[in-house]
C-alpha atoms as a PDB file:
ATOM      1  CA  MET A   1      82.673  -7.894  34.562  1.00  0.00           C
ATOM      2  CA  SER A   2      80.530  -4.800  34.140  1.00  0.00           C
ATOM      3  CA  PRO A   3      78.978  -3.148  37.227  1.00  0.00           C
ATOM      4  CA  ALA A   4      75.489  -4.165  36.066  1.00  0.00           C
ATOM      5  CA  ALA A   5      76.609  -7.768  35.681  1.00  0.00           C
ATOM      6  CA  SER A   6      77.411  -7.943  39.388  1.00  0.00           C
ATOM      7  CA  HIS A   7      73.791  -6.952  40.188  1.00  0.00           C
ATOM      8  CA  ARG A   8      72.171  -9.604  38.037  1.00  0.00           C
ATOM      9  CA  PRO A   9      69.898 -12.032  39.871  1.00  0.00           C
ATOM     10  CA  ALA A  10      70.633 -15.744  40.121  1.00  0.00           C
ATOM     11  CA  ASP A  11      67.223 -16.524  38.565  1.00  0.00           C
ATOM     12  CA  PRO A  12      67.074 -17.116  34.817  1.00  0.00           C
ATOM     13  CA  LEU A  13      66.301 -14.075  32.719  1.00  0.00           C
ATOM     14  CA  ARG A  14      63.700 -13.986  29.946  1.00  0.00           C
ATOM     15  CA  PRO A  15      65.354 -13.698  26.495  1.00  0.00           C
ATOM     16  CA  MET A  16      63.573 -11.547  23.916  1.00  0.00           C
ATOM     17  CA  LEU A  17      64.100  -9.231  20.974  1.00  0.00           C
ATOM     18  CA  VAL A  18      63.383  -5.627  21.900  1.00  0.00           C
ATOM     19  CA  SER A  19      62.805  -2.531  19.812  1.00  0.00           C
ATOM     20  CA  LEU A  20      64.998   0.400  20.768  1.00  0.00           C
ATOM     21  CA  THR A  21      61.839   2.497  21.059  1.00  0.00           C
ATOM     22  CA  ALA A  22      60.759   0.354  24.062  1.00  0.00           C
ATOM     23  CA  LEU A  23      63.868   1.322  26.037  1.00  0.00           C
ATOM     24  CA  ILE A  24      64.186   3.851  28.817  1.00  0.00           C
ATOM     25  CA  ALA A  25      67.504   5.417  29.807  1.00  0.00           C
ATOM     26  CA  GLU A  26      68.381   8.612  31.607  1.00  0.00           C
ATOM     27  CA  HIS A  27      68.831  11.310  28.971  1.00  0.00           C
ATOM     28  CA  ASP A  28      72.201  12.694  30.069  1.00  0.00           C
ATOM     29  CA  ALA A  29      73.788   9.270  30.561  1.00  0.00           C
ATOM     30  CA  MET A  30      72.678   7.996  27.153  1.00  0.00           C
ATOM     31  CA  GLN A  31      73.646  11.230  25.400  1.00  0.00           C
ATOM     32  CA  GLU A  32      77.114  11.014  26.963  1.00  0.00           C
ATOM     33  CA  VAL A  33      77.517   7.466  25.620  1.00  0.00           C
ATOM     34  CA  LEU A  34      76.410   8.553  22.136  1.00  0.00           C
ATOM     35  CA  ASP A  35      78.739  11.556  22.177  1.00  0.00           C
ATOM     36  CA  SER A  36      81.703   9.422  23.227  1.00  0.00           C
ATOM     37  CA  ALA A  37      81.403   7.207  20.117  1.00  0.00           C
ATOM     38  CA  ARG A  38      83.263   4.520  22.076  1.00  0.00           C
ATOM     39  CA  ASP A  39      82.735   0.988  20.825  1.00  0.00           C
ATOM     40  CA  SER A  40      81.150  -1.609  23.058  1.00  0.00           C
ATOM     41  CA  ASP A  41      83.467  -4.023  24.866  1.00  0.00           C
ATOM     42  CA  THR A  42      80.829  -6.736  24.385  1.00  0.00           C
ATOM     43  CA  PRO A  43      79.160  -6.008  21.015  1.00  0.00           C
ATOM     44  CA  HIS A  44      77.406  -9.373  20.676  1.00  0.00           C
ATOM     45  CA  ALA A  45      76.097  -9.692  24.234  1.00  0.00           C
ATOM     46  CA  PRO A  46      72.378  -9.162  24.792  1.00  0.00           C
ATOM     47  CA  LEU A  47      71.131  -6.045  26.520  1.00  0.00           C
ATOM     48  CA  TYR A  48      70.142  -6.396  30.176  1.00  0.00           C
ATOM     49  CA  LEU A  49      66.738  -4.849  30.885  1.00  0.00           C
ATOM     50  CA  LYS A  50      64.318  -4.314  33.747  1.00  0.00           C
ATOM     51  CA  PRO A  51      60.583  -3.822  33.155  1.00  0.00           C
ATOM     52  CA  ARG A  52      59.005  -0.495  34.109  1.00  0.00           C
ATOM     53  CA  ALA A  53      56.128  -1.028  36.561  1.00  0.00           C
ATOM     54  CA  ASP A  54      54.587   2.315  35.572  1.00  0.00           C
ATOM     55  CA  MET A  55      54.992   1.967  31.778  1.00  0.00           C
ATOM     56  CA  VAL A  56      53.654  -1.268  30.294  1.00  0.00           C
ATOM     57  CA  GLY A  57      55.858  -2.615  27.514  1.00  0.00           C
ATOM     58  CA  ARG A  58      58.808  -0.351  28.355  1.00  0.00           C
ATOM     59  CA  PHE A  59      62.155  -1.461  29.781  1.00  0.00           C
ATOM     60  CA  GLU A  60      64.977   0.259  31.639  1.00  0.00           C
ATOM     61  CA  LEU A  61      68.367  -0.235  30.055  1.00  0.00           C
ATOM     62  CA  ALA A  62      70.409  -1.631  32.935  1.00  0.00           C
ATOM     63  CA  ASP A  63      73.403  -2.790  30.871  1.00  0.00           C
ATOM     64  CA  GLY A  64      74.258  -2.267  27.206  1.00  0.00           C
ATOM     65  CA  HIS A  65      74.300   1.497  26.660  1.00  0.00           C
ATOM     66  CA  HIS A  66      77.281   1.297  24.262  1.00  0.00           C
ATOM     67  CA  ARG A  67      75.660  -1.585  22.332  1.00  0.00           C
ATOM     68  CA  VAL A  68      72.512   0.527  21.928  1.00  0.00           C
ATOM     69  CA  ALA A  69      74.577   3.526  20.802  1.00  0.00           C
ATOM     70  CA  ALA A  70      76.340   1.363  18.196  1.00  0.00           C
ATOM     71  CA  ALA A  71      72.974   0.045  17.005  1.00  0.00           C
ATOM     72  CA  LEU A  72      71.608   3.580  16.665  1.00  0.00           C
ATOM     73  CA  ARG A  73      74.676   4.665  14.698  1.00  0.00           C
ATOM     74  CA  SER A  74      74.315   1.703  12.320  1.00  0.00           C
ATOM     75  CA  GLY A  75      70.530   1.899  11.890  1.00  0.00           C
ATOM     76  CA  ILE A  76      69.704  -1.294  13.798  1.00  0.00           C
ATOM     77  CA  THR A  77      66.389  -0.927  15.638  1.00  0.00           C
ATOM     78  CA  VAL A  78      65.890  -4.340  17.292  1.00  0.00           C
ATOM     79  CA  LEU A  79      68.379  -6.043  19.608  1.00  0.00           C
ATOM     80  CA  PRO A  80      68.471  -9.241  21.682  1.00  0.00           C
ATOM     81  CA  ALA A  81      67.920  -8.724  25.395  1.00  0.00           C
ATOM     82  CA  LEU A  82      67.590 -10.513  28.697  1.00  0.00           C
ATOM     83  CA  VAL A  83      64.746  -9.184  30.842  1.00  0.00           C
ATOM     84  CA  GLU A  84      64.347  -9.513  34.594  1.00  0.00           C
ATOM     85  CA  ASP A  85      60.909 -10.449  35.905  1.00  0.00           C
ATOM     86  CA  GLN A  86      60.830  -7.699  38.541  1.00  0.00           C
ATOM     87  CA  PRO A  87      61.067  -3.924  37.983  1.00  0.00           C
ATOM     88  CA  ASP A  88      63.921  -1.919  39.472  1.00  0.00           C
ATOM     89  CA  ASP A  89      63.299  -0.749  43.036  1.00  0.00           C
ATOM     90  CA  GLU A  90      64.940   2.597  42.109  1.00  0.00           C
ATOM     91  CA  PRO A  91      63.624   3.344  38.595  1.00  0.00           C
ATOM     92  CA  TYR A  92      65.152   5.979  36.328  1.00  0.00           C
ATOM     93  CA  GLN A  93      63.661   9.435  36.671  1.00  0.00           C
ATOM     94  CA  PRO A  94      62.933  11.883  33.831  1.00  0.00           C
ATOM     95  CA  PRO A  95      64.224  13.341  31.656  1.00  0.00           C
ATOM     96  CA  PHE A  96      64.459  10.176  29.584  1.00  0.00           C
ATOM     97  CA  PHE A  97      66.439   9.755  26.385  1.00  0.00           C
ATOM     98  CA  ASP A  98      64.141   9.800  23.319  1.00  0.00           C
ATOM     99  CA  PHE A  99      65.036   6.580  21.485  1.00  0.00           C
ATOM    100  CA  THR A 100      62.206   7.081  18.985  1.00  0.00           C
ATOM    101  CA  ALA A 101      63.601  10.432  17.841  1.00  0.00           C
ATOM    102  CA  ALA A 102      67.181   9.105  17.806  1.00  0.00           C
ATOM    103  CA  ALA A 103      66.217   6.092  15.683  1.00  0.00           C
ATOM    104  CA  SER A 104      64.246   8.329  13.323  1.00  0.00           C
ATOM    105  CA  ALA A 105      67.129  10.805  12.985  1.00  0.00           C
ATOM    106  CA  THR A 106      69.559   7.978  12.251  1.00  0.00           C
ATOM    107  CA  ALA A 107      67.245   6.524   9.612  1.00  0.00           C
ATOM    108  CA  THR A 108      66.874   9.944   7.972  1.00  0.00           C
ATOM    109  CA  ALA A 109      70.638  10.541   7.989  1.00  0.00           C
ATOM    110  CA  ARG A 110      71.282   7.128   6.381  1.00  0.00           C
ATOM    111  CA  ARG A 111      69.043   7.915   3.368  1.00  0.00           C
END
């Protein structure tokens, strides 16, 4: 079980499809995952997200960093996710990873 899985609430989570550009992750952590090029241990599992109270329509990536990295590398821009109803009580702080730029760079490289 992943560390994030042990923090999941007992309440049902809201399933949705999410664009990678709606995600928020700490820059250094996400860049490290991308640089590692390690495959996900759970490639077909949905992402686990928490809404940002201060950024409407944006979600913190709580679990699924390697799945997102694999999606970026393959040009996939929308992934299934489970979203908590409540925001994180300790939200990520800037600098944030720029998913919009990463998705755009991947799309350009694939042409």
